[in-house]
Full PDB file with SEQRES, HELIX, SHEET, SSBOND, CRYST1, ORIGX, SCALE, CONECT and MASTER records, all heavy atoms in Angstrom:
SEQRES   1 A   33  ILE TYR GLU ILE GLY GLY GLY ILE PRO ASN GLY LYS LYS          
SEQRES   2 A   33  PHE LYS ALA ALA GLN THR GLY GLY PRO SER GLY GLY CYS          
SEQRES   3 A   33  ILE PRO ALA SER LEU ILE ASP                                  
HELIX    1 AA1 PRO A    9  GLY A   11  5                                   3    
HELIX    2 AA2 GLY A   21  SER A   23  5                                   3    
HELIX    3 AA3 ALA A   29  LEU A   31  5                                   3    
SHEET    1 AA1 2 ALA A  16  THR A  19  0                                        
SHEET    2 AA1 2 GLY A  25  PRO A  28 -1                                        
CRYST1    1.000    1.000    1.000  90.00  90.00  90.00 P 1           1          
ORIGX1      1.000000  0.000000  0.000000        0.00000                         
ORIGX2      0.000000  1.000000  0.000000        0.00000                         
ORIGX3      0.000000  0.000000  1.000000        0.00000                         
SCALE1      1.000000  0.000000  0.000000        0.00000                         
SCALE2      0.000000  1.000000  0.000000        0.00000                         
SCALE3      0.000000  0.000000  1.000000        0.00000                         
ATOM      1  N   ILE A   1       0.816  -1.216   0.000  1.00  0.00           N  
ATOM      2  CA  ILE A   1       0.000   0.000   0.000  1.00  0.00           C  
ATOM      3  C   ILE A   1       0.847   1.264   0.000  1.00  0.00           C  
ATOM      4  O   ILE A   1       0.577   2.211  -0.760  1.00  0.00           O  
ATOM      5  CB  ILE A   1      -0.970  -0.016   1.198  1.00  0.00           C  
ATOM      6  CG1 ILE A   1      -2.016  -1.124   0.994  1.00  0.00           C  
ATOM      7  CG2 ILE A   1      -1.637   1.341   1.387  1.00  0.00           C  
ATOM      8  CD1 ILE A   1      -2.912  -1.352   2.176  1.00  0.00           C  
ATOM      9  N   TYR A   2       1.889   1.298   0.807  1.00  0.00           N  
ATOM     10  CA  TYR A   2       2.641   2.545   0.964  1.00  0.00           C  
ATOM     11  C   TYR A   2       3.889   2.637   0.080  1.00  0.00           C  
ATOM     12  O   TYR A   2       4.170   3.702  -0.484  1.00  0.00           O  
ATOM     13  CB  TYR A   2       3.011   2.749   2.438  1.00  0.00           C  
ATOM     14  CG  TYR A   2       1.812   3.166   3.259  1.00  0.00           C  
ATOM     15  CD1 TYR A   2       1.090   2.236   4.002  1.00  0.00           C  
ATOM     16  CD2 TYR A   2       1.377   4.487   3.266  1.00  0.00           C  
ATOM     17  CE1 TYR A   2      -0.029   2.611   4.730  1.00  0.00           C  
ATOM     18  CE2 TYR A   2       0.261   4.876   3.990  1.00  0.00           C  
ATOM     19  CZ  TYR A   2      -0.434   3.937   4.723  1.00  0.00           C  
ATOM     20  OH  TYR A   2      -1.543   4.313   5.435  1.00  0.00           O  
ATOM     21  N   GLU A   3       4.650   1.554  -0.056  1.00  0.00           N  
ATOM     22  CA  GLU A   3       5.887   1.647  -0.829  1.00  0.00           C  
ATOM     23  C   GLU A   3       5.642   1.500  -2.329  1.00  0.00           C  
ATOM     24  O   GLU A   3       6.328   2.120  -3.138  1.00  0.00           O  
ATOM     25  CB  GLU A   3       6.883   0.585  -0.347  1.00  0.00           C  
ATOM     26  CG  GLU A   3       7.355   0.819   1.084  1.00  0.00           C  
ATOM     27  CD  GLU A   3       8.372  -0.215   1.545  1.00  0.00           C  
ATOM     28  OE1 GLU A   3       8.985  -0.883   0.669  1.00  0.00           O  
ATOM     29  OE2 GLU A   3       8.550  -0.353   2.769  1.00  0.00           O  
ATOM     30  N   ILE A   4       4.657   0.687  -2.695  1.00  0.00           N  
ATOM     31  CA  ILE A   4       4.351   0.496  -4.112  1.00  0.00           C  
ATOM     32  C   ILE A   4       3.157   1.355  -4.522  1.00  0.00           C  
ATOM     33  O   ILE A   4       3.209   2.069  -5.519  1.00  0.00           O  
ATOM     34  CB  ILE A   4       4.079  -0.991  -4.422  1.00  0.00           C  
ATOM     35  CG1 ILE A   4       5.338  -1.822  -4.152  1.00  0.00           C  
ATOM     36  CG2 ILE A   4       3.613  -1.175  -5.859  1.00  0.00           C  
ATOM     37  CD1 ILE A   4       5.149  -3.323  -4.306  1.00  0.00           C  
ATOM     38  N   GLY A   5       2.103   1.297  -3.746  1.00  0.00           N  
ATOM     39  CA  GLY A   5       0.875   2.020  -4.085  1.00  0.00           C  
ATOM     40  C   GLY A   5       0.892   3.503  -3.779  1.00  0.00           C  
ATOM     41  O   GLY A   5      -0.035   4.220  -4.156  1.00  0.00           O  
ATOM     42  N   GLY A   6       1.929   3.974  -3.095  1.00  0.00           N  
ATOM     43  CA  GLY A   6       2.035   5.410  -2.850  1.00  0.00           C  
ATOM     44  C   GLY A   6       1.201   5.935  -1.704  1.00  0.00           C  
ATOM     45  O   GLY A   6       1.150   7.143  -1.471  1.00  0.00           O  
ATOM     46  N   GLY A   7       0.529   5.036  -0.973  1.00  0.00           N  
ATOM     47  CA  GLY A   7      -0.249   5.473   0.178  1.00  0.00           C  
ATOM     48  C   GLY A   7      -1.648   5.944  -0.170  1.00  0.00           C  
ATOM     49  O   GLY A   7      -2.127   5.815  -1.302  1.00  0.00           O  
ATOM     50  N   ILE A   8      -2.319   6.512   0.846  1.00  0.00           N  
ATOM     51  CA  ILE A   8      -3.712   6.934   0.719  1.00  0.00           C  
ATOM     52  C   ILE A   8      -3.757   8.395   0.263  1.00  0.00           C  
ATOM     53  O   ILE A   8      -3.024   9.231   0.794  1.00  0.00           O  
ATOM     54  CB  ILE A   8      -4.449   6.775   2.068  1.00  0.00           C  
ATOM     55  CG1 ILE A   8      -4.119   5.406   2.691  1.00  0.00           C  
ATOM     56  CG2 ILE A   8      -5.943   6.953   1.887  1.00  0.00           C  
ATOM     57  CD1 ILE A   8      -4.496   4.217   1.860  1.00  0.00           C  
ATOM     58  N   PRO A   9      -4.594   8.743  -0.693  1.00  0.00           N  
ATOM     59  CA  PRO A   9      -4.659  10.128  -1.175  1.00  0.00           C  
ATOM     60  C   PRO A   9      -5.154  11.096  -0.103  1.00  0.00           C  
ATOM     61  O   PRO A   9      -5.860  10.711   0.846  1.00  0.00           O  
ATOM     62  CB  PRO A   9      -5.660  10.056  -2.335  1.00  0.00           C  
ATOM     63  CG  PRO A   9      -5.760   8.616  -2.694  1.00  0.00           C  
ATOM     64  CD  PRO A   9      -5.493   7.852  -1.438  1.00  0.00           C  
ATOM     65  N   ASN A  10      -4.769  12.360  -0.283  1.00  0.00           N  
ATOM     66  CA  ASN A  10      -5.269  13.476   0.522  1.00  0.00           C  
ATOM     67  C   ASN A  10      -4.974  13.345   2.012  1.00  0.00           C  
ATOM     68  O   ASN A  10      -5.708  13.895   2.848  1.00  0.00           O  
ATOM     69  CB  ASN A  10      -6.792  13.649   0.310  1.00  0.00           C  
ATOM     70  CG  ASN A  10      -7.148  13.807  -1.159  1.00  0.00           C  
ATOM     71  OD1 ASN A  10      -6.499  14.553  -1.887  1.00  0.00           O  
ATOM     72  ND2 ASN A  10      -8.179  13.090  -1.602  1.00  0.00           N  
ATOM     73  N   GLY A  11      -3.922  12.611   2.351  1.00  0.00           N  
ATOM     74  CA  GLY A  11      -3.515  12.507   3.742  1.00  0.00           C  
ATOM     75  C   GLY A  11      -4.458  11.727   4.627  1.00  0.00           C  
ATOM     76  O   GLY A  11      -4.364  11.792   5.858  1.00  0.00           O  
ATOM     77  N   LYS A  12      -5.372  10.986   4.030  1.00  0.00           N  
ATOM     78  CA  LYS A  12      -6.344  10.217   4.815  1.00  0.00           C  
ATOM     79  C   LYS A  12      -5.677   8.993   5.452  1.00  0.00           C  
ATOM     80  O   LYS A  12      -4.612   8.537   5.028  1.00  0.00           O  
ATOM     81  CB  LYS A  12      -7.495   9.757   3.909  1.00  0.00           C  
ATOM     82  CG  LYS A  12      -8.286  10.891   3.269  1.00  0.00           C  
ATOM     83  CD  LYS A  12      -9.209  11.563   4.251  1.00  0.00           C  
ATOM     84  CE  LYS A  12     -10.098  12.579   3.552  1.00  0.00           C  
ATOM     85  NZ  LYS A  12     -11.063  13.196   4.469  1.00  0.00           N  
ATOM     86  N   LYS A  13      -6.339   8.448   6.466  1.00  0.00           N  
ATOM     87  CA  LYS A  13      -5.829   7.262   7.147  1.00  0.00           C  
ATOM     88  C   LYS A  13      -6.346   5.994   6.467  1.00  0.00           C  
ATOM     89  O   LYS A  13      -7.488   5.936   6.010  1.00  0.00           O  
ATOM     90  CB  LYS A  13      -6.265   7.260   8.615  1.00  0.00           C  
ATOM     91  CG  LYS A  13      -5.634   8.372   9.448  1.00  0.00           C  
ATOM     92  CD  LYS A  13      -6.130   8.296  10.889  1.00  0.00           C  
ATOM     93  CE  LYS A  13      -5.523   9.409  11.735  1.00  0.00           C  
ATOM     94  NZ  LYS A  13      -6.018   9.368  13.130  1.00  0.00           N  
ATOM     95  N   PHE A  14      -5.493   4.999   6.450  1.00  0.00           N  
ATOM     96  CA  PHE A  14      -5.876   3.692   5.932  1.00  0.00           C  
ATOM     97  C   PHE A  14      -6.831   3.018   6.912  1.00  0.00           C  
ATOM     98  O   PHE A  14      -6.584   2.987   8.113  1.00  0.00           O  
ATOM     99  CB  PHE A  14      -4.624   2.830   5.741  1.00  0.00           C  
ATOM    100  CG  PHE A  14      -4.910   1.367   5.474  1.00  0.00           C  
ATOM    101  CD1 PHE A  14      -5.467   0.962   4.282  1.00  0.00           C  
ATOM    102  CD2 PHE A  14      -4.610   0.395   6.430  1.00  0.00           C  
ATOM    103  CE1 PHE A  14      -5.722  -0.383   4.021  1.00  0.00           C  
ATOM    104  CE2 PHE A  14      -4.854  -0.944   6.192  1.00  0.00           C  
ATOM    105  CZ  PHE A  14      -5.414  -1.330   4.982  1.00  0.00           C  
ATOM    106  N   LYS A  15      -7.933   2.495   6.398  1.00  0.00           N  
ATOM    107  CA  LYS A  15      -8.897   1.789   7.257  1.00  0.00           C  
ATOM    108  C   LYS A  15      -8.860   0.283   7.042  1.00  0.00           C  
ATOM    109  O   LYS A  15      -8.795  -0.486   8.000  1.00  0.00           O  
ATOM    110  CB  LYS A  15     -10.314   2.301   7.030  1.00  0.00           C  
ATOM    111  CG  LYS A  15     -11.366   1.550   7.858  1.00  0.00           C  
ATOM    112  CD  LYS A  15     -12.758   2.131   7.702  1.00  0.00           C  
ATOM    113  CE  LYS A  15     -12.946   3.332   8.613  1.00  0.00           C  
ATOM    114  NZ  LYS A  15     -14.365   3.792   8.627  1.00  0.00           N  
ATOM    115  N   ALA A  16      -8.911  -0.159   5.795  1.00  0.00           N  
ATOM    116  CA  ALA A  16      -8.968  -1.602   5.530  1.00  0.00           C  
ATOM    117  C   ALA A  16      -8.650  -1.870   4.067  1.00  0.00           C  
ATOM    118  O   ALA A  16      -8.718  -0.971   3.223  1.00  0.00           O  
ATOM    119  CB  ALA A  16     -10.352  -2.160   5.870  1.00  0.00           C  
ATOM    120  N   ALA A  17      -8.313  -3.129   3.772  1.00  0.00           N  
ATOM    121  CA  ALA A  17      -8.133  -3.589   2.398  1.00  0.00           C  
ATOM    122  C   ALA A  17      -8.960  -4.852   2.222  1.00  0.00           C  
ATOM    123  O   ALA A  17      -8.881  -5.767   3.044  1.00  0.00           O  
ATOM    124  CB  ALA A  17      -6.668  -3.874   2.092  1.00  0.00           C  
ATOM    125  N   GLN A  18      -9.763  -4.867   1.175  1.00  0.00           N  
ATOM    126  CA  GLN A  18     -10.593  -6.034   0.901  1.00  0.00           C  
ATOM    127  C   GLN A  18      -9.880  -6.924  -0.111  1.00  0.00           C  
ATOM    128  O   GLN A  18      -9.462  -6.466  -1.173  1.00  0.00           O  
ATOM    129  CB  GLN A  18     -11.957  -5.593   0.348  1.00  0.00           C  
ATOM    130  CG  GLN A  18     -13.073  -6.615   0.540  1.00  0.00           C  
ATOM    131  CD  GLN A  18     -13.103  -7.692  -0.526  1.00  0.00           C  
ATOM    132  OE1 GLN A  18     -12.567  -7.514  -1.606  1.00  0.00           O  
ATOM    133  NE2 GLN A  18     -13.712  -8.827  -0.204  1.00  0.00           N  
ATOM    134  N   THR A  19      -9.699  -8.188   0.234  1.00  0.00           N  
ATOM    135  CA  THR A  19      -9.075  -9.147  -0.680  1.00  0.00           C  
ATOM    136  C   THR A  19      -9.968 -10.376  -0.805  1.00  0.00           C  
ATOM    137  O   THR A  19     -10.805 -10.640   0.042  1.00  0.00           O  
ATOM    138  CB  THR A  19      -7.685  -9.598  -0.177  1.00  0.00           C  
ATOM    139  OG1 THR A  19      -7.838 -10.315   1.057  1.00  0.00           O  
ATOM    140  CG2 THR A  19      -6.755  -8.417   0.028  1.00  0.00           C  
ATOM    141  N   GLY A  20      -9.770 -11.110  -1.880  1.00  0.00           N  
ATOM    142  CA  GLY A  20     -10.469 -12.389  -2.026  1.00  0.00           C  
ATOM    143  C   GLY A  20     -11.867 -12.308  -2.577  1.00  0.00           C  
ATOM    144  O   GLY A  20     -12.577 -13.308  -2.599  1.00  0.00           O  
ATOM    145  N   GLY A  21     -12.295 -11.120  -3.030  1.00  0.00           N  
ATOM    146  CA  GLY A  21     -13.639 -11.008  -3.589  1.00  0.00           C  
ATOM    147  C   GLY A  21     -14.709 -11.350  -2.574  1.00  0.00           C  
ATOM    148  O   GLY A  21     -14.502 -11.240  -1.355  1.00  0.00           O  
ATOM    149  N   PRO A  22     -15.875 -11.807  -3.032  1.00  0.00           N  
ATOM    150  CA  PRO A  22     -16.983 -12.120  -2.124  1.00  0.00           C  
ATOM    151  C   PRO A  22     -16.655 -13.202  -1.098  1.00  0.00           C  
ATOM    152  O   PRO A  22     -17.284 -13.272  -0.044  1.00  0.00           O  
ATOM    153  CB  PRO A  22     -18.089 -12.596  -3.070  1.00  0.00           C  
ATOM    154  CG  PRO A  22     -17.754 -11.979  -4.378  1.00  0.00           C  
ATOM    155  CD  PRO A  22     -16.258 -11.950  -4.446  1.00  0.00           C  
ATOM    156  N   SER A  23     -15.672 -14.042  -1.399  1.00  0.00           N  
ATOM    157  CA  SER A  23     -15.302 -15.112  -0.473  1.00  0.00           C  
ATOM    158  C   SER A  23     -14.262 -14.665   0.545  1.00  0.00           C  
ATOM    159  O   SER A  23     -13.933 -15.420   1.460  1.00  0.00           O  
ATOM    160  CB  SER A  23     -14.751 -16.314  -1.249  1.00  0.00           C  
ATOM    161  OG  SER A  23     -15.689 -16.771  -2.189  1.00  0.00           O  
ATOM    162  N   GLY A  24     -13.703 -13.474   0.363  1.00  0.00           N  
ATOM    163  CA  GLY A  24     -12.618 -13.013   1.210  1.00  0.00           C  
ATOM    164  C   GLY A  24     -13.093 -12.197   2.388  1.00  0.00           C  
ATOM    165  O   GLY A  24     -14.148 -12.468   2.974  1.00  0.00           O  
ATOM    166  N   GLY A  25     -12.314 -11.187   2.731  1.00  0.00           N  
ATOM    167  CA  GLY A  25     -12.663 -10.372   3.887  1.00  0.00           C  
ATOM    168  C   GLY A  25     -11.927  -9.051   3.844  1.00  0.00           C  
ATOM    169  O   GLY A  25     -11.122  -8.782   2.949  1.00  0.00           O  
ATOM    170  N   CYS A  26     -12.212  -8.203   4.823  1.00  0.00           N  
ATOM    171  CA  CYS A  26     -11.575  -6.897   4.926  1.00  0.00           C  
ATOM    172  C   CYS A  26     -10.480  -6.959   6.000  1.00  0.00           C  
ATOM    173  O   CYS A  26     -10.752  -7.313   7.152  1.00  0.00           O  
ATOM    174  CB  CYS A  26     -12.600  -5.829   5.276  1.00  0.00           C  
ATOM    175  SG  CYS A  26     -13.809  -5.542   3.972  1.00  0.00           S  
ATOM    176  N   ILE A  27      -9.276  -6.590   5.627  1.00  0.00           N  
ATOM    177  CA  ILE A  27      -8.141  -6.617   6.548  1.00  0.00           C  
ATOM    178  C   ILE A  27      -8.024  -5.232   7.178  1.00  0.00           C  
ATOM    179  O   ILE A  27      -7.772  -4.253   6.472  1.00  0.00           O  
ATOM    180  CB  ILE A  27      -6.844  -6.971   5.803  1.00  0.00           C  
ATOM    181  CG1 ILE A  27      -7.010  -8.306   5.062  1.00  0.00           C  
ATOM    182  CG2 ILE A  27      -5.668  -7.026   6.768  1.00  0.00           C  
ATOM    183  CD1 ILE A  27      -5.871  -8.625   4.112  1.00  0.00           C  
ATOM    184  N   PRO A  28      -8.199  -5.107   8.502  1.00  0.00           N  
ATOM    185  CA  PRO A  28      -8.182  -3.784   9.138  1.00  0.00           C  
ATOM    186  C   PRO A  28      -6.778  -3.218   9.281  1.00  0.00           C  
ATOM    187  O   PRO A  28      -5.777  -3.936   9.126  1.00  0.00           O  
ATOM    188  CB  PRO A  28      -8.799  -4.071  10.510  1.00  0.00           C  
ATOM    189  CG  PRO A  28      -8.423  -5.487  10.795  1.00  0.00           C  
ATOM    190  CD  PRO A  28      -8.473  -6.194   9.468  1.00  0.00           C  
ATOM    191  N   ALA A  29      -6.704  -1.940   9.616  1.00  0.00           N  
ATOM    192  CA  ALA A  29      -5.423  -1.252   9.759  1.00  0.00           C  
ATOM    193  C   ALA A  29      -4.533  -1.912  10.808  1.00  0.00           C  
ATOM    194  O   ALA A  29      -3.310  -1.891  10.694  1.00  0.00           O  
ATOM    195  CB  ALA A  29      -5.657   0.213  10.102  1.00  0.00           C  
ATOM    196  N   SER A  30      -5.136  -2.502  11.810  1.00  0.00           N  
ATOM    197  CA  SER A  30      -4.351  -3.135  12.881  1.00  0.00           C  
ATOM    198  C   SER A  30      -3.547  -4.330  12.383  1.00  0.00           C  
ATOM    199  O   SER A  30      -2.607  -4.773  13.036  1.00  0.00           O  
ATOM    200  CB  SER A  30      -5.268  -3.583  14.013  1.00  0.00           C  
ATOM    201  OG  SER A  30      -6.223  -4.523  13.540  1.00  0.00           O  
ATOM    202  N   LEU A  31      -3.904  -4.859  11.212  1.00  0.00           N  
ATOM    203  CA  LEU A  31      -3.216  -6.028  10.656  1.00  0.00           C  
ATOM    204  C   LEU A  31      -2.448  -5.681   9.384  1.00  0.00           C  
ATOM    205  O   LEU A  31      -2.181  -6.548   8.552  1.00  0.00           O  
ATOM    206  CB  LEU A  31      -4.232  -7.146  10.363  1.00  0.00           C  
ATOM    207  CG  LEU A  31      -4.966  -7.716  11.579  1.00  0.00           C  
ATOM    208  CD1 LEU A  31      -6.022  -8.724  11.145  1.00  0.00           C  
ATOM    209  CD2 LEU A  31      -3.980  -8.366  12.549  1.00  0.00           C  
ATOM    210  N   ILE A  32      -2.062  -4.417   9.247  1.00  0.00           N  
ATOM    211  CA  ILE A  32      -1.423  -3.967   8.009  1.00  0.00           C  
ATOM    212  C   ILE A  32      -0.051  -4.593   7.784  1.00  0.00           C  
ATOM    213  O   ILE A  32       0.457  -4.618   6.663  1.00  0.00           O  
ATOM    214  CB  ILE A  32      -1.332  -2.424   7.992  1.00  0.00           C  
ATOM    215  CG1 ILE A  32      -1.003  -1.936   6.572  1.00  0.00           C  
ATOM    216  CG2 ILE A  32      -0.309  -1.928   9.014  1.00  0.00           C  
ATOM    217  CD1 ILE A  32      -1.092  -0.443   6.390  1.00  0.00           C  
ATOM    218  N   ASP A  33       0.563  -5.124   8.826  1.00  0.00           N  
ATOM    219  CA  ASP A  33       1.868  -5.753   8.652  1.00  0.00           C  
ATOM    220  C   ASP A  33       1.769  -7.253   8.381  1.00  0.00           C  
ATOM    221  O   ASP A  33       2.777  -7.975   8.402  1.00  0.00           O  
ATOM    222  CB  ASP A  33       2.749  -5.491   9.874  1.00  0.00           C  
ATOM    223  CG  ASP A  33       3.187  -4.033   9.953  1.00  0.00           C  
ATOM    224  OD1 ASP A  33       3.709  -3.530   8.946  1.00  0.00           O  
ATOM    225  OD2 ASP A  33       2.968  -3.395  10.999  1.00  0.00           O  
TER     226      ASP A  33                                                      
MASTER        0    0    0    3    2    0    0    6  225    1    0    3          
END                                                                             
């Protein structure tokens, strides 16, 4: 997210990333590592 994707626009905080489509889940900021 940060080194390749350049981070979140407009200085906003990262909340979650959704992976795996409908079968997956949302990974919260607490698990960003």
